Amino acid sequence: MLVFQNLPVPATDRIYRLWAIVGDEKTPCSQFGTNEQGSVFDEFAIAHSACQELDSTFAVTLEPLPAPPQPVGPAVLLERS
């Protein structure tokens, strides 16, 4: 379960996307919007390889729709392990 709060509500032509990043490989895990308060309460599948690596990063980006296969939008959250 992941919880995000205080995210700006995306425009109708944008979506948030969660990425698992290991080395140079960026794997999309999920895409999501927010509620009117900018919160997200949801379960997301995380790439197995990202959970095993000591040097992994999780990122949330704001992407155009339809969501591209690799991130092109700005990162709004980053978490390194």
C-alpha atoms as a PDB file:
ATOM      1  CA  MET A   1       0.000   0.000   0.000  1.00  0.00           C
ATOM      2  CA  LEU A   2       1.346   3.397  -0.966  1.00  0.00           C
ATOM      3  CA  VAL A   3      -0.027   6.721   0.153  1.00  0.00           C
ATOM      4  CA  PHE A   4       0.720  10.034  -1.538  1.00  0.00           C
ATOM      5  CA  GLN A   5      -0.576  13.332  -0.179  1.00  0.00           C
ATOM      6  CA  ASN A   6      -0.527  16.946  -1.293  1.00  0.00           C
ATOM      7  CA  LEU A   7       0.066  16.189  -4.969  1.00  0.00           C
ATOM      8  CA  PRO A   8      -1.351  18.773  -7.346  1.00  0.00           C
ATOM      9  CA  VAL A   9      -4.490  17.459  -9.051  1.00  0.00           C
ATOM     10  CA  PRO A  10      -3.351  16.703 -12.618  1.00  0.00           C
ATOM     11  CA  ALA A  11      -4.974  18.305 -15.659  1.00  0.00           C
ATOM     12  CA  THR A  12      -7.312  16.029 -17.613  1.00  0.00           C
ATOM     13  CA  ASP A  13      -4.593  15.357 -20.216  1.00  0.00           C
ATOM     14  CA  ARG A  14      -1.985  14.316 -17.601  1.00  0.00           C
ATOM     15  CA  ILE A  15      -1.487  11.289 -15.333  1.00  0.00           C
ATOM     16  CA  TYR A  16       0.914  10.442 -12.534  1.00  0.00           C
ATOM     17  CA  ARG A  17       3.088   7.402 -13.151  1.00  0.00           C
ATOM     18  CA  LEU A  18       5.087   5.350 -10.638  1.00  0.00           C
ATOM     19  CA  TRP A  19       8.441   4.009 -11.874  1.00  0.00           C
ATOM     20  CA  ALA A  20      10.928   1.529 -10.444  1.00  0.00           C
ATOM     21  CA  ILE A  21      14.433   2.485 -11.566  1.00  0.00           C
ATOM     22  CA  VAL A  22      17.376   0.088 -11.296  1.00  0.00           C
ATOM     23  CA  GLY A  23      20.532   1.258 -13.031  1.00  0.00           C
ATOM     24  CA  ASP A  24      19.420   2.672 -16.384  1.00  0.00           C
ATOM     25  CA  GLU A  25      16.257   0.526 -16.557  1.00  0.00           C
ATOM     26  CA  LYS A  26      12.989   2.368 -15.885  1.00  0.00           C
ATOM     27  CA  THR A  27       9.998   0.088 -15.330  1.00  0.00           C
ATOM     28  CA  PRO A  28       6.473   1.523 -15.128  1.00  0.00           C
ATOM     29  CA  CYS A  29       4.591   0.146 -12.102  1.00  0.00           C
ATOM     30  CA  SER A  30       1.301   2.010 -12.239  1.00  0.00           C
ATOM     31  CA  GLN A  31      -0.444   5.161 -13.324  1.00  0.00           C
ATOM     32  CA  PHE A  32      -2.893   7.095 -11.193  1.00  0.00           C
ATOM     33  CA  GLY A  33      -4.731  10.322 -10.573  1.00  0.00           C
ATOM     34  CA  THR A  34      -5.526  11.946  -7.242  1.00  0.00           C
ATOM     35  CA  ASN A  35      -8.656  12.757  -5.323  1.00  0.00           C
ATOM     36  CA  GLU A  36      -9.733  16.410  -5.051  1.00  0.00           C
ATOM     37  CA  GLN A  37      -7.434  16.889  -2.043  1.00  0.00           C
ATOM     38  CA  GLY A  38      -4.359  15.654  -3.953  1.00  0.00           C
ATOM     39  CA  SER A  39      -4.213  12.295  -2.141  1.00  0.00           C
ATOM     40  CA  VAL A  40      -3.743   8.756  -3.416  1.00  0.00           C
ATOM     41  CA  PHE A  41      -4.419   5.596  -1.395  1.00  0.00           C
ATOM     42  CA  ASP A  42      -3.784   2.519  -3.525  1.00  0.00           C
ATOM     43  CA  GLU A  43      -1.855  -0.713  -3.960  1.00  0.00           C
ATOM     44  CA  PHE A  44       0.704  -0.897  -6.738  1.00  0.00           C
ATOM     45  CA  ALA A  45       2.712  -3.797  -8.149  1.00  0.00           C
ATOM     46  CA  ILE A  46       6.426  -3.107  -7.789  1.00  0.00           C
ATOM     47  CA  ALA A  47       8.999  -4.687 -10.093  1.00  0.00           C
ATOM     48  CA  HIS A  48      10.661  -7.609  -8.300  1.00  0.00           C
ATOM     49  CA  SER A  49      14.133  -6.499  -9.445  1.00  0.00           C
ATOM     50  CA  ALA A  50      13.673  -3.111  -7.748  1.00  0.00           C
ATOM     51  CA  CYS A  51      12.966  -4.761  -4.414  1.00  0.00           C
ATOM     52  CA  GLN A  52      16.140  -6.857  -4.534  1.00  0.00           C
ATOM     53  CA  GLU A  53      18.600  -4.176  -5.552  1.00  0.00           C
ATOM     54  CA  LEU A  54      20.367  -1.991  -2.996  1.00  0.00           C
ATOM     55  CA  ASP A  55      20.673   0.826  -5.507  1.00  0.00           C
ATOM     56  CA  SER A  56      17.103   1.328  -6.678  1.00  0.00           C
ATOM     57  CA  THR A  57      14.952   4.418  -7.031  1.00  0.00           C
ATOM     58  CA  PHE A  58      11.214   4.896  -7.091  1.00  0.00           C
ATOM     59  CA  ALA A  59       9.924   7.939  -8.925  1.00  0.00           C
ATOM     60  CA  VAL A  60       6.563   9.534  -9.577  1.00  0.00           C
ATOM     61  CA  THR A  61       6.377  11.591 -12.748  1.00  0.00           C
ATOM     62  CA  LEU A  62       3.629  13.681 -14.282  1.00  0.00           C
ATOM     63  CA  GLU A  63       3.096  12.329 -17.796  1.00  0.00           C
ATOM     64  CA  PRO A  64       0.985  13.244 -20.827  1.00  0.00           C
ATOM     65  CA  LEU A  65      -1.841  10.930 -21.862  1.00  0.00           C
ATOM     66  CA  PRO A  66      -1.524   8.395 -23.281  1.00  0.00           C
ATOM     67  CA  ALA A  67       1.320   7.567 -20.892  1.00  0.00           C
ATOM     68  CA  PRO A  68       4.606   6.988 -22.724  1.00  0.00           C
ATOM     69  CA  PRO A  69       6.644   3.782 -22.227  1.00  0.00           C
ATOM     70  CA  GLN A  70       9.505   5.778 -20.667  1.00  0.00           C
ATOM     71  CA  PRO A  71       9.305   8.894 -18.478  1.00  0.00           C
ATOM     72  CA  VAL A  72       9.207  12.208 -20.342  1.00  0.00           C
ATOM     73  CA  GLY A  73       7.473  14.381 -17.727  1.00  0.00           C
ATOM     74  CA  PRO A  74       8.910  16.027 -14.631  1.00  0.00           C
ATOM     75  CA  ALA A  75       9.655  13.972 -11.526  1.00  0.00           C
ATOM     76  CA  VAL A  76       7.464  15.079  -8.616  1.00  0.00           C
ATOM     77  CA  LEU A  77       8.724  12.506  -6.075  1.00  0.00           C
ATOM     78  CA  LEU A  78      11.948  10.478  -5.780  1.00  0.00           C
ATOM     79  CA  GLU A  79      12.874   7.835  -3.203  1.00  0.00           C
ATOM     80  CA  ARG A  80      16.247   6.071  -3.212  1.00  0.00           C
ATOM     81  CA  SER A  81      17.038   2.897  -1.348  1.00  0.00           C
END
